[in-house]
């Protein structure tokens, strides 16, 4: 278990991105704003490619439970 001390704001997301490069999660939880802030980094940064599948799966699952989610 790893607890990321970054936050979903532009000032704190860089710490989360650094942590994701070091720790490859098999399961990832975040608040909706955190997923939205992190998504552009996952889409453009190939270094996060190995981690992005677990994160994107959790993002999609969360979105299904939100009003207007996909």
Protein backbone atom coordinates (compact mmCIF):
# COMPACT_ATOMS: atom_id res chain seq x y z
CA UNK A 1 0.00 0.00 0.00
CA UNK A 2 1.32 3.43 -0.95
CA UNK A 3 -0.27 6.73 0.06
CA UNK A 4 0.46 9.61 -2.29
CA UNK A 5 0.73 12.96 -0.54
CA UNK A 6 0.24 14.98 -3.73
CA UNK A 7 -3.09 16.63 -4.39
CA UNK A 8 -5.37 17.08 -7.41
CA UNK A 9 -4.61 20.77 -7.78
CA UNK A 10 -2.17 22.06 -10.40
CA UNK A 11 0.29 22.87 -7.61
CA UNK A 12 0.30 19.31 -6.24
CA UNK A 13 -0.28 17.03 -9.23
CA UNK A 14 3.42 17.03 -10.14
CA UNK A 15 4.18 15.14 -6.93
CA UNK A 16 1.55 12.55 -7.80
CA UNK A 17 2.99 12.14 -11.30
CA UNK A 18 6.50 11.65 -9.85
CA UNK A 19 5.13 9.06 -7.44
CA UNK A 20 3.36 7.19 -10.23
CA UNK A 21 6.64 6.95 -12.13
CA UNK A 22 8.25 5.30 -9.10
CA UNK A 23 5.36 3.12 -7.89
CA UNK A 24 3.46 1.05 -10.45
CA UNK A 25 0.04 0.56 -8.86
CA UNK A 26 -2.14 -2.43 -9.66
CA UNK A 27 -5.09 -0.57 -8.15
CA UNK A 28 -5.44 3.19 -7.94
CA UNK A 29 -7.99 5.36 -6.13
CA UNK A 30 -8.44 9.09 -6.36
CA UNK A 31 -11.12 11.74 -6.13
CA UNK A 32 -12.84 12.72 -9.40
CA UNK A 33 -10.84 15.97 -9.66
CA UNK A 34 -7.63 13.96 -9.22
CA UNK A 35 -8.46 11.72 -12.17
CA UNK A 36 -9.35 14.70 -14.35
CA UNK A 37 -6.14 16.51 -13.44
CA UNK A 38 -4.02 13.40 -13.96
CA UNK A 39 -5.54 12.33 -17.27
CA UNK A 40 -3.54 14.73 -19.53
CA UNK A 41 -0.28 13.46 -17.98
CA UNK A 42 -1.29 9.86 -18.64
CA UNK A 43 -2.17 10.63 -22.23
CA UNK A 44 1.06 12.42 -23.12
CA UNK A 45 3.73 10.82 -20.91
CA UNK A 46 4.97 7.47 -22.22
CA UNK A 47 6.89 6.88 -18.98
CA UNK A 48 3.54 6.45 -17.24
CA UNK A 49 2.31 4.06 -19.92
CA UNK A 50 2.82 0.95 -17.84
CA UNK A 51 0.89 2.51 -14.96
CA UNK A 52 -1.84 4.19 -16.94
CA UNK A 53 -3.93 1.10 -17.63
CA UNK A 54 -4.69 0.49 -13.93
CA UNK A 55 -5.36 4.18 -13.38
CA UNK A 56 -7.59 4.57 -16.44
CA UNK A 57 -9.63 1.50 -15.48
CA UNK A 58 -10.34 3.05 -12.07
CA UNK A 59 -11.15 6.38 -13.72
CA UNK A 60 -13.69 4.74 -16.03
CA UNK A 61 -15.27 2.78 -13.19
CA UNK A 62 -15.66 5.92 -11.13
CA UNK A 63 -17.14 7.85 -14.05
CA UNK A 64 -19.85 5.22 -14.54
CA UNK A 65 -21.17 6.04 -11.08
CA UNK A 66 -21.26 9.79 -11.60
CA UNK A 67 -24.21 11.60 -13.19
CA UNK A 68 -23.43 11.97 -16.89
CA UNK A 69 -20.52 9.50 -16.67
CA UNK A 70 -19.51 7.26 -19.54
